[in-house]
Amino acid sequence: FTDVHPCVGTPEQVAEALRPFVDLGVEHL
């Protein structure tokens, strides 16, 4: 699988990759 924004790493790194979406108002991942 490939993606333009892969979330790969430790829990802290994956949270950092996803946090911008939550900050933009995303309510469901």
PDB file of all heavy atoms in Angstrom:
ATOM      1  N   PHE A   1       0.833  -1.194   0.000  1.00  0.00           N
ATOM      2  CA  PHE A   1       0.000   0.000   0.000  1.00  0.00           C
ATOM      3  C   PHE A   1       0.876   1.254   0.000  1.00  0.00           C
ATOM      4  O   PHE A   1       1.913   1.314   0.657  1.00  0.00           O
ATOM      5  CB  PHE A   1      -0.923   0.030   1.217  1.00  0.00           C
ATOM      6  CG  PHE A   1      -2.042  -0.960   1.146  1.00  0.00           C
ATOM      7  CD1 PHE A   1      -1.974  -2.145   1.873  1.00  0.00           C
ATOM      8  CD2 PHE A   1      -3.157  -0.729   0.360  1.00  0.00           C
ATOM      9  CE1 PHE A   1      -3.007  -3.068   1.823  1.00  0.00           C
ATOM     10  CE2 PHE A   1      -4.193  -1.651   0.310  1.00  0.00           C
ATOM     11  CZ  PHE A   1      -4.120  -2.818   1.035  1.00  0.00           C
ATOM     12  N   THR A   2       0.432   2.267  -0.719  1.00  0.00           N
ATOM     13  CA  THR A   2       1.118   3.550  -0.750  1.00  0.00           C
ATOM     14  C   THR A   2       0.103   4.665  -0.544  1.00  0.00           C
ATOM     15  O   THR A   2      -1.092   4.483  -0.752  1.00  0.00           O
ATOM     16  CB  THR A   2       1.845   3.766  -2.085  1.00  0.00           C
ATOM     17  OG1 THR A   2       0.881   3.735  -3.159  1.00  0.00           O
ATOM     18  CG2 THR A   2       2.903   2.697  -2.318  1.00  0.00           C
ATOM     19  N   ASP A   3       0.589   5.818  -0.127  1.00  0.00           N
ATOM     20  CA  ASP A   3      -0.286   6.957   0.083  1.00  0.00           C
ATOM     21  C   ASP A   3       0.559   8.222   0.019  1.00  0.00           C
ATOM     22  O   ASP A   3       1.777   8.191   0.228  1.00  0.00           O
ATOM     23  CB  ASP A   3      -1.001   6.857   1.437  1.00  0.00           C
ATOM     24  CG  ASP A   3      -2.125   7.868   1.582  1.00  0.00           C
ATOM     25  OD1 ASP A   3      -2.788   8.159   0.570  1.00  0.00           O
ATOM     26  OD2 ASP A   3      -2.333   8.373   2.704  1.00  0.00           O
ATOM     27  N   VAL A   4      -0.097   9.344  -0.254  1.00  0.00           N
ATOM     28  CA  VAL A   4       0.626  10.611  -0.335  1.00  0.00           C
ATOM     29  C   VAL A   4       1.003  11.125   1.055  1.00  0.00           C
ATOM     30  O   VAL A   4       1.873  11.984   1.179  1.00  0.00           O
ATOM     31  CB  VAL A   4      -0.209  11.685  -1.067  1.00  0.00           C
ATOM     32  CG1 VAL A   4      -0.415  11.306  -2.518  1.00  0.00           C
ATOM     33  CG2 VAL A   4      -1.549  11.909  -0.372  1.00  0.00           C
ATOM     34  N   HIS A   5       0.356  10.617   2.091  1.00  0.00           N
ATOM     35  CA  HIS A   5       0.660  11.062   3.451  1.00  0.00           C
ATOM     36  C   HIS A   5       0.685   9.848   4.381  1.00  0.00           C
ATOM     37  O   HIS A   5      -0.202   9.673   5.211  1.00  0.00           O
ATOM     38  CB  HIS A   5      -0.379  12.080   3.935  1.00  0.00           C
ATOM     39  CG  HIS A   5      -0.055  12.695   5.270  1.00  0.00           C
ATOM     40  ND1 HIS A   5       1.035  13.506   5.467  1.00  0.00           N
ATOM     41  CD2 HIS A   5      -0.671  12.602   6.472  1.00  0.00           C
ATOM     42  CE1 HIS A   5       1.070  13.908   6.716  1.00  0.00           C
ATOM     43  NE2 HIS A   5       0.051  13.368   7.358  1.00  0.00           N
ATOM     44  N   PRO A   6       1.684   8.978   4.233  1.00  0.00           N
ATOM     45  CA  PRO A   6       1.745   7.807   5.100  1.00  0.00           C
ATOM     46  C   PRO A   6       2.020   8.208   6.548  1.00  0.00           C
ATOM     47  O   PRO A   6       2.806   9.122   6.815  1.00  0.00           O
ATOM     48  CB  PRO A   6       2.904   7.000   4.514  1.00  0.00           C
ATOM     49  CG  PRO A   6       3.758   8.008   3.821  1.00  0.00           C
ATOM     50  CD  PRO A   6       2.818   9.051   3.302  1.00  0.00           C
ATOM     51  N   CYS A   7       1.356   7.534   7.466  1.00  0.00           N
ATOM     52  CA  CYS A   7       1.546   7.775   8.894  1.00  0.00           C
ATOM     53  C   CYS A   7       2.382   6.626   9.442  1.00  0.00           C
ATOM     54  O   CYS A   7       1.834   5.570   9.798  1.00  0.00           O
ATOM     55  CB  CYS A   7       0.200   7.865   9.603  1.00  0.00           C
ATOM     56  SG  CYS A   7      -0.830   9.215   8.989  1.00  0.00           S
ATOM     57  N   VAL A   8       3.672   6.817   9.486  1.00  0.00           N
ATOM     58  CA  VAL A   8       4.615   5.744   9.796  1.00  0.00           C
ATOM     59  C   VAL A   8       5.542   6.207  10.906  1.00  0.00           C
ATOM     60  O   VAL A   8       6.140   7.289  10.813  1.00  0.00           O
ATOM     61  CB  VAL A   8       5.444   5.359   8.554  1.00  0.00           C
ATOM     62  CG1 VAL A   8       6.434   4.252   8.883  1.00  0.00           C
ATOM     63  CG2 VAL A   8       4.525   4.930   7.407  1.00  0.00           C
ATOM     64  N   GLY A   9       5.656   5.385  11.961  1.00  0.00           N
ATOM     65  CA  GLY A   9       6.599   5.723  13.018  1.00  0.00           C
ATOM     66  C   GLY A   9       6.161   5.225  14.364  1.00  0.00           C
ATOM     67  O   GLY A   9       5.316   4.325  14.485  1.00  0.00           O
ATOM     68  N   THR A  10       6.730   5.822  15.388  1.00  0.00           N
ATOM     69  CA  THR A  10       6.354   5.518  16.767  1.00  0.00           C
ATOM     70  C   THR A  10       4.983   6.117  17.054  1.00  0.00           C
ATOM     71  O   THR A  10       4.470   6.930  16.266  1.00  0.00           O
ATOM     72  CB  THR A  10       7.378   6.122  17.728  1.00  0.00           C
ATOM     73  OG1 THR A  10       7.321   7.559  17.603  1.00  0.00           O
ATOM     74  CG2 THR A  10       8.789   5.630  17.423  1.00  0.00           C
ATOM     75  N   PRO A  11       4.353   5.736  18.167  1.00  0.00           N
ATOM     76  CA  PRO A  11       3.064   6.363  18.496  1.00  0.00           C
ATOM     77  C   PRO A  11       3.130   7.884  18.486  1.00  0.00           C
ATOM     78  O   PRO A  11       2.204   8.548  17.986  1.00  0.00           O
ATOM     79  CB  PRO A  11       2.762   5.809  19.885  1.00  0.00           C
ATOM     80  CG  PRO A  11       3.405   4.453  19.883  1.00  0.00           C
ATOM     81  CD  PRO A  11       4.677   4.644  19.100  1.00  0.00           C
ATOM     82  N   GLU A  12       4.200   8.445  19.000  1.00  0.00           N
ATOM     83  CA  GLU A  12       4.317   9.899  19.028  1.00  0.00           C
ATOM     84  C   GLU A  12       4.415  10.475  17.610  1.00  0.00           C
ATOM     85  O   GLU A  12       3.809  11.513  17.304  1.00  0.00           O
ATOM     86  CB  GLU A  12       5.549  10.303  19.844  1.00  0.00           C
ATOM     87  CG  GLU A  12       5.464   9.990  21.326  1.00  0.00           C
ATOM     88  CD  GLU A  12       5.698   8.520  21.650  1.00  0.00           C
ATOM     89  OE1 GLU A  12       6.190   7.773  20.761  1.00  0.00           O
ATOM     90  OE2 GLU A  12       5.392   8.107  22.782  1.00  0.00           O
ATOM     91  N   GLN A  13       5.148   9.809  16.740  1.00  0.00           N
ATOM     92  CA  GLN A  13       5.300  10.296  15.366  1.00  0.00           C
ATOM     93  C   GLN A  13       4.002  10.173  14.573  1.00  0.00           C
ATOM     94  O   GLN A  13       3.664  11.061  13.782  1.00  0.00           O
ATOM     95  CB  GLN A  13       6.435   9.538  14.676  1.00  0.00           C
ATOM     96  CG  GLN A  13       7.813   9.886  15.223  1.00  0.00           C
ATOM     97  CD  GLN A  13       8.894   8.950  14.703  1.00  0.00           C
ATOM     98  OE1 GLN A  13       8.665   7.750  14.510  1.00  0.00           O
ATOM     99  NE2 GLN A  13      10.089   9.493  14.473  1.00  0.00           N
ATOM    100  N   VAL A  14       3.275   9.083  14.767  1.00  0.00           N
ATOM    101  CA  VAL A  14       2.008   8.910  14.068  1.00  0.00           C
ATOM    102  C   VAL A  14       0.990   9.933  14.566  1.00  0.00           C
ATOM    103  O   VAL A  14       0.232  10.515  13.776  1.00  0.00           O
ATOM    104  CB  VAL A  14       1.499   7.466  14.236  1.00  0.00           C
ATOM    105  CG1 VAL A  14       0.062   7.332  13.745  1.00  0.00           C
ATOM    106  CG2 VAL A  14       2.410   6.496  13.486  1.00  0.00           C
ATOM    107  N   ALA A  15       0.973  10.185  15.868  1.00  0.00           N
ATOM    108  CA  ALA A  15       0.075  11.221  16.401  1.00  0.00           C
ATOM    109  C   ALA A  15       0.418  12.580  15.810  1.00  0.00           C
ATOM    110  O   ALA A  15      -0.470  13.368  15.455  1.00  0.00           O
ATOM    111  CB  ALA A  15       0.166  11.254  17.921  1.00  0.00           C
ATOM    112  N   GLU A  16       1.710  12.860  15.663  1.00  0.00           N
ATOM    113  CA  GLU A  16       2.132  14.128  15.075  1.00  0.00           C
ATOM    114  C   GLU A  16       1.684  14.244  13.625  1.00  0.00           C
ATOM    115  O   GLU A  16       1.306  15.336  13.159  1.00  0.00           O
ATOM    116  CB  GLU A  16       3.651  14.257  15.167  1.00  0.00           C
ATOM    117  CG  GLU A  16       4.193  15.575  14.644  1.00  0.00           C
ATOM    118  CD  GLU A  16       5.699  15.683  14.779  1.00  0.00           C
ATOM    119  OE1 GLU A  16       6.318  14.766  15.351  1.00  0.00           O
ATOM    120  OE2 GLU A  16       6.265  16.686  14.295  1.00  0.00           O
ATOM    121  N   ALA A  17       1.685  13.120  12.897  1.00  0.00           N
ATOM    122  CA  ALA A  17       1.255  13.147  11.498  1.00  0.00           C
ATOM    123  C   ALA A  17      -0.239  13.375  11.363  1.00  0.00           C
ATOM    124  O   ALA A  17      -0.700  13.953  10.375  1.00  0.00           O
ATOM    125  CB  ALA A  17       1.652  11.842  10.814  1.00  0.00           C
ATOM    126  N   LEU A  18      -1.015  12.909  12.338  1.00  0.00           N
ATOM    127  CA  LEU A  18      -2.472  13.008  12.262  1.00  0.00           C
ATOM    128  C   LEU A  18      -3.019  14.246  12.970  1.00  0.00           C
ATOM    129  O   LEU A  18      -4.138  14.676  12.663  1.00  0.00           O
ATOM    130  CB  LEU A  18      -3.114  11.757  12.870  1.00  0.00           C
ATOM    131  CG  LEU A  18      -2.935  10.467  12.062  1.00  0.00           C
ATOM    132  CD1 LEU A  18      -3.438   9.262  12.860  1.00  0.00           C
ATOM    133  CD2 LEU A  18      -3.667  10.553  10.731  1.00  0.00           C
ATOM    134  N   ARG A  19      -2.255  14.816  13.881  1.00  0.00           N
ATOM    135  CA  ARG A  19      -2.782  15.933  14.665  1.00  0.00           C
ATOM    136  C   ARG A  19      -3.220  17.122  13.814  1.00  0.00           C
ATOM    137  O   ARG A  19      -4.224  17.775  14.144  1.00  0.00           O
ATOM    138  CB  ARG A  19      -1.756  16.370  15.714  1.00  0.00           C
ATOM    139  CG  ARG A  19      -2.327  17.391  16.713  1.00  0.00           C
ATOM    140  CD  ARG A  19      -1.357  17.671  17.846  1.00  0.00           C
ATOM    141  NE  ARG A  19      -1.172  16.473  18.674  1.00  0.00           N
ATOM    142  CZ  ARG A  19      -0.033  15.789  18.764  1.00  0.00           C
ATOM    143  NH1 ARG A  19       1.007  16.158  18.029  1.00  0.00           N
ATOM    144  NH2 ARG A  19       0.068  14.748  19.556  1.00  0.00           N
ATOM    145  N   PRO A  20      -2.531  17.447  12.705  1.00  0.00           N
ATOM    146  CA  PRO A  20      -3.014  18.583  11.907  1.00  0.00           C
ATOM    147  C   PRO A  20      -4.450  18.429  11.417  1.00  0.00           C
ATOM    148  O   PRO A  20      -5.175  19.426  11.301  1.00  0.00           O
ATOM    149  CB  PRO A  20      -2.023  18.617  10.728  1.00  0.00           C
ATOM    150  CG  PRO A  20      -0.782  18.002  11.267  1.00  0.00           C
ATOM    151  CD  PRO A  20      -1.248  16.923  12.194  1.00  0.00           C
ATOM    152  N   PHE A  21      -4.869  17.207  11.142  1.00  0.00           N
ATOM    153  CA  PHE A  21      -6.247  17.001  10.688  1.00  0.00           C
ATOM    154  C   PHE A  21      -7.237  17.257  11.821  1.00  0.00           C
ATOM    155  O   PHE A  21      -8.296  17.854  11.607  1.00  0.00           O
ATOM    156  CB  PHE A  21      -6.401  15.583  10.133  1.00  0.00           C
ATOM    157  CG  PHE A  21      -5.491  15.291   8.976  1.00  0.00           C
ATOM    158  CD1 PHE A  21      -4.318  14.554   9.164  1.00  0.00           C
ATOM    159  CD2 PHE A  21      -5.774  15.775   7.712  1.00  0.00           C
ATOM    160  CE1 PHE A  21      -3.469  14.298   8.111  1.00  0.00           C
ATOM    161  CE2 PHE A  21      -4.924  15.521   6.651  1.00  0.00           C
ATOM    162  CZ  PHE A  21      -3.761  14.786   6.846  1.00  0.00           C
ATOM    163  N   VAL A  22      -6.890  16.810  13.008  1.00  0.00           N
ATOM    164  CA  VAL A  22      -7.741  17.074  14.169  1.00  0.00           C
ATOM    165  C   VAL A  22      -7.825  18.570  14.418  1.00  0.00           C
ATOM    166  O   VAL A  22      -8.893  19.114  14.710  1.00  0.00           O
ATOM    167  CB  VAL A  22      -7.208  16.327  15.406  1.00  0.00           C
ATOM    168  CG1 VAL A  22      -8.090  16.604  16.626  1.00  0.00           C
ATOM    169  CG2 VAL A  22      -7.144  14.822  15.137  1.00  0.00           C
ATOM    170  N   ASP A  23      -6.699  19.261  14.273  1.00  0.00           N
ATOM    171  CA  ASP A  23      -6.690  20.704  14.465  1.00  0.00           C
ATOM    172  C   ASP A  23      -7.551  21.422  13.429  1.00  0.00           C
ATOM    173  O   ASP A  23      -8.085  22.506  13.702  1.00  0.00           O
ATOM    174  CB  ASP A  23      -5.253  21.231  14.393  1.00  0.00           C
ATOM    175  CG  ASP A  23      -4.396  20.784  15.572  1.00  0.00           C
ATOM    176  OD1 ASP A  23      -4.966  20.355  16.599  1.00  0.00           O
ATOM    177  OD2 ASP A  23      -3.154  20.859  15.454  1.00  0.00           O
ATOM    178  N   LEU A  24      -7.692  20.817  12.246  1.00  0.00           N
ATOM    179  CA  LEU A  24      -8.534  21.407  11.206  1.00  0.00           C
ATOM    180  C   LEU A  24     -10.020  21.134  11.432  1.00  0.00           C
ATOM    181  O   LEU A  24     -10.860  21.653  10.708  1.00  0.00           O
ATOM    182  CB  LEU A  24      -8.128  20.875   9.830  1.00  0.00           C
ATOM    183  CG  LEU A  24      -6.822  21.430   9.258  1.00  0.00           C
ATOM    184  CD1 LEU A  24      -6.394  20.638   8.028  1.00  0.00           C
ATOM    185  CD2 LEU A  24      -6.977  22.912   8.898  1.00  0.00           C
ATOM    186  N   GLY A  25     -10.347  20.305  12.414  1.00  0.00           N
ATOM    187  CA  GLY A  25     -11.747  20.041  12.739  1.00  0.00           C
ATOM    188  C   GLY A  25     -12.225  18.652  12.405  1.00  0.00           C
ATOM    189  O   GLY A  25     -13.426  18.373  12.518  1.00  0.00           O
ATOM    190  N   VAL A  26     -11.324  17.757  11.982  1.00  0.00           N
ATOM    191  CA  VAL A  26     -11.722  16.386  11.678  1.00  0.00           C
ATOM    192  C   VAL A  26     -12.238  15.717  12.954  1.00  0.00           C
ATOM    193  O   VAL A  26     -11.577  15.752  13.994  1.00  0.00           O
ATOM    194  CB  VAL A  26     -10.554  15.593  11.073  1.00  0.00           C
ATOM    195  CG1 VAL A  26     -10.863  14.102  11.055  1.00  0.00           C
ATOM    196  CG2 VAL A  26     -10.264  16.098   9.668  1.00  0.00           C
ATOM    197  N   GLU A  27     -13.395  15.090  12.852  1.00  0.00           N
ATOM    198  CA  GLU A  27     -14.026  14.447  14.003  1.00  0.00           C
ATOM    199  C   GLU A  27     -13.990  12.929  13.927  1.00  0.00           C
ATOM    200  O   GLU A  27     -14.293  12.259  14.916  1.00  0.00           O
ATOM    201  CB  GLU A  27     -15.486  14.900  14.122  1.00  0.00           C
ATOM    202  CG  GLU A  27     -15.650  16.380  14.371  1.00  0.00           C
ATOM    203  CD  GLU A  27     -17.107  16.776  14.515  1.00  0.00           C
ATOM    204  OE1 GLU A  27     -17.893  15.998  15.079  1.00  0.00           O
ATOM    205  OE2 GLU A  27     -17.465  17.871  14.044  1.00  0.00           O
ATOM    206  N   HIS A  28     -13.660  12.389  12.753  1.00  0.00           N
ATOM    207  CA  HIS A  28     -13.661  10.931  12.602  1.00  0.00           C
ATOM    208  C   HIS A  28     -12.502  10.547  11.702  1.00  0.00           C
ATOM    209  O   HIS A  28     -12.413  11.006  10.560  1.00  0.00           O
ATOM    210  CB  HIS A  28     -14.988  10.461  11.991  1.00  0.00           C
ATOM    211  CG  HIS A  28     -15.386   9.085  12.399  1.00  0.00           C
ATOM    212  ND1 HIS A  28     -16.627   8.789  12.934  1.00  0.00           N
ATOM    213  CD2 HIS A  28     -14.717   7.918  12.377  1.00  0.00           C
ATOM    214  CE1 HIS A  28     -16.697   7.498  13.206  1.00  0.00           C
ATOM    215  NE2 HIS A  28     -15.543   6.948  12.866  1.00  0.00           N
ATOM    216  N   LEU A  29     -11.592   9.712  12.223  1.00  0.00           N
ATOM    217  CA  LEU A  29     -10.460   9.201  11.460  1.00  0.00           C
ATOM    218  C   LEU A  29     -10.740   7.764  11.043  1.00  0.00           C
ATOM    219  O   LEU A  29     -11.145   6.947  11.867  1.00  0.00           O
ATOM    220  CB  LEU A  29      -9.187   9.241  12.301  1.00  0.00           C
ATOM    221  CG  LEU A  29      -8.651  10.610  12.704  1.00  0.00           C
ATOM    222  CD1 LEU A  29      -7.498  10.451  13.697  1.00  0.00           C
ATOM    223  CD2 LEU A  29      -8.185  11.394  11.475  1.00  0.00           C
TER     224      LEU A  29
END
